[in-house]
Amino acid sequence: MTLRNIPRRKAARAFRKLGFEIISGRGKGSHELIIHPADHARRATLPARDPVAAGTLNNILKRLVITRDDFEQAL
């Protein structure tokens, strides 16, 4: 599966399934903060764009230490 054209809401739902919290109002503009409740060092910003660009999504996965396979299963 490719990570292209994944809607922002679908990506946010997958991050929640993986145990992350989505915090609105903490990012710049309409961006949202993704944070792991047990490890606050694992954080990233989910942009307001829809769909989320593939490169941006790959960078978010690296920052959150999530494998591509785990993310695809959560979708």
C-alpha atoms as a PDB file:
ATOM      1  CA  MET A   1       0.000   0.000   0.000  1.00  0.00           C
ATOM      2  CA  THR A   2       1.222   3.461  -0.790  1.00  0.00           C
ATOM      3  CA  LEU A   3       1.015   6.369   1.617  1.00  0.00           C
ATOM      4  CA  ARG A   4      -0.274   8.750  -1.040  1.00  0.00           C
ATOM      5  CA  ASN A   5      -3.558  10.626  -0.816  1.00  0.00           C
ATOM      6  CA  ILE A   6      -4.370   9.614   2.745  1.00  0.00           C
ATOM      7  CA  PRO A   7      -7.004  11.956   4.178  1.00  0.00           C
ATOM      8  CA  ARG A   8      -6.016  13.831   7.321  1.00  0.00           C
ATOM      9  CA  ARG A   9      -8.888  12.382   9.377  1.00  0.00           C
ATOM     10  CA  LYS A  10      -7.988   8.836   8.363  1.00  0.00           C
ATOM     11  CA  ALA A  11      -4.347   9.447   9.337  1.00  0.00           C
ATOM     12  CA  ALA A  12      -5.427  10.907  12.694  1.00  0.00           C
ATOM     13  CA  ARG A  13      -7.636   7.860  13.331  1.00  0.00           C
ATOM     14  CA  ALA A  14      -4.678   5.555  12.623  1.00  0.00           C
ATOM     15  CA  PHE A  15      -2.448   7.476  15.051  1.00  0.00           C
ATOM     16  CA  ARG A  16      -5.138   7.136  17.741  1.00  0.00           C
ATOM     17  CA  LYS A  17      -5.321   3.371  17.127  1.00  0.00           C
ATOM     18  CA  LEU A  18      -1.553   3.251  17.680  1.00  0.00           C
ATOM     19  CA  GLY A  19      -1.939   4.869  21.097  1.00  0.00           C
ATOM     20  CA  PHE A  20      -1.225   8.508  20.270  1.00  0.00           C
ATOM     21  CA  GLU A  21      -3.273  11.525  21.292  1.00  0.00           C
ATOM     22  CA  ILE A  22      -4.287  14.232  18.832  1.00  0.00           C
ATOM     23  CA  ILE A  23      -4.342  17.644  20.469  1.00  0.00           C
ATOM     24  CA  SER A  24      -6.106  20.456  18.616  1.00  0.00           C
ATOM     25  CA  GLY A  25      -5.278  24.068  19.240  1.00  0.00           C
ATOM     26  CA  ARG A  26      -1.667  23.404  20.252  1.00  0.00           C
ATOM     27  CA  GLY A  27      -0.257  23.630  16.739  1.00  0.00           C
ATOM     28  CA  LYS A  28       0.100  26.691  14.575  1.00  0.00           C
ATOM     29  CA  GLY A  29      -3.134  27.613  12.804  1.00  0.00           C
ATOM     30  CA  SER A  30      -5.262  24.559  12.265  1.00  0.00           C
ATOM     31  CA  HIS A  31      -2.368  22.102  12.645  1.00  0.00           C
ATOM     32  CA  GLU A  32      -2.727  19.434  15.316  1.00  0.00           C
ATOM     33  CA  LEU A  33      -0.161  18.008  17.708  1.00  0.00           C
ATOM     34  CA  ILE A  34       0.365  14.230  17.807  1.00  0.00           C
ATOM     35  CA  ILE A  35       1.872  13.048  21.088  1.00  0.00           C
ATOM     36  CA  HIS A  36       2.391   9.712  22.816  1.00  0.00           C
ATOM     37  CA  PRO A  37       1.039   9.843  26.390  1.00  0.00           C
ATOM     38  CA  ALA A  38       3.797   7.631  27.840  1.00  0.00           C
ATOM     39  CA  ASP A  39       6.714   9.205  25.929  1.00  0.00           C
ATOM     40  CA  HIS A  40       6.362  12.949  25.367  1.00  0.00           C
ATOM     41  CA  ALA A  41       9.529  12.970  23.245  1.00  0.00           C
ATOM     42  CA  ARG A  42       7.524  11.193  20.536  1.00  0.00           C
ATOM     43  CA  ARG A  43       5.649  14.151  19.071  1.00  0.00           C
ATOM     44  CA  ALA A  44       4.934  15.595  15.648  1.00  0.00           C
ATOM     45  CA  THR A  45       2.621  18.075  13.972  1.00  0.00           C
ATOM     46  CA  LEU A  46      -0.184  16.945  11.669  1.00  0.00           C
ATOM     47  CA  PRO A  47      -0.659  19.598   8.978  1.00  0.00           C
ATOM     48  CA  ALA A  48      -4.030  21.019   8.014  1.00  0.00           C
ATOM     49  CA  ARG A  49      -3.653  19.919   4.387  1.00  0.00           C
ATOM     50  CA  ASP A  50      -5.960  17.271   3.031  1.00  0.00           C
ATOM     51  CA  PRO A  51      -4.723  14.818   1.869  1.00  0.00           C
ATOM     52  CA  VAL A  52      -1.455  14.655   3.817  1.00  0.00           C
ATOM     53  CA  ALA A  53       1.520  14.616   1.440  1.00  0.00           C
ATOM     54  CA  ALA A  54       3.370  11.289   1.275  1.00  0.00           C
ATOM     55  CA  GLY A  55       6.731  12.829   2.220  1.00  0.00           C
ATOM     56  CA  THR A  56       5.198  14.674   5.157  1.00  0.00           C
ATOM     57  CA  LEU A  57       3.550  11.487   6.385  1.00  0.00           C
ATOM     58  CA  ASN A  58       6.837   9.571   6.111  1.00  0.00           C
ATOM     59  CA  ASN A  59       8.599  12.254   8.171  1.00  0.00           C
ATOM     60  CA  ILE A  60       5.848  12.118  10.811  1.00  0.00           C
ATOM     61  CA  LEU A  61       6.218   8.333  11.046  1.00  0.00           C
ATOM     62  CA  LYS A  62       9.986   8.685  11.536  1.00  0.00           C
ATOM     63  CA  ARG A  63       9.568  11.308  14.272  1.00  0.00           C
ATOM     64  CA  LEU A  64       7.001   9.160  16.090  1.00  0.00           C
ATOM     65  CA  VAL A  65       9.057   5.966  15.646  1.00  0.00           C
ATOM     66  CA  ILE A  66       6.266   4.101  13.852  1.00  0.00           C
ATOM     67  CA  THR A  67       6.971   1.560  11.142  1.00  0.00           C
ATOM     68  CA  ARG A  68       5.200   1.951   7.838  1.00  0.00           C
ATOM     69  CA  ASP A  69       3.681  -1.525   8.210  1.00  0.00           C
ATOM     70  CA  ASP A  70       2.224  -0.705  11.647  1.00  0.00           C
ATOM     71  CA  PHE A  71       0.712   2.503  10.291  1.00  0.00           C
ATOM     72  CA  GLU A  72      -0.775   0.747   7.257  1.00  0.00           C
ATOM     73  CA  GLN A  73      -2.368  -1.892   9.496  1.00  0.00           C
ATOM     74  CA  ALA A  74      -3.900   0.850  11.654  1.00  0.00           C
ATOM     75  CA  LEU A  75      -5.473   2.439   8.573  1.00  0.00           C
END
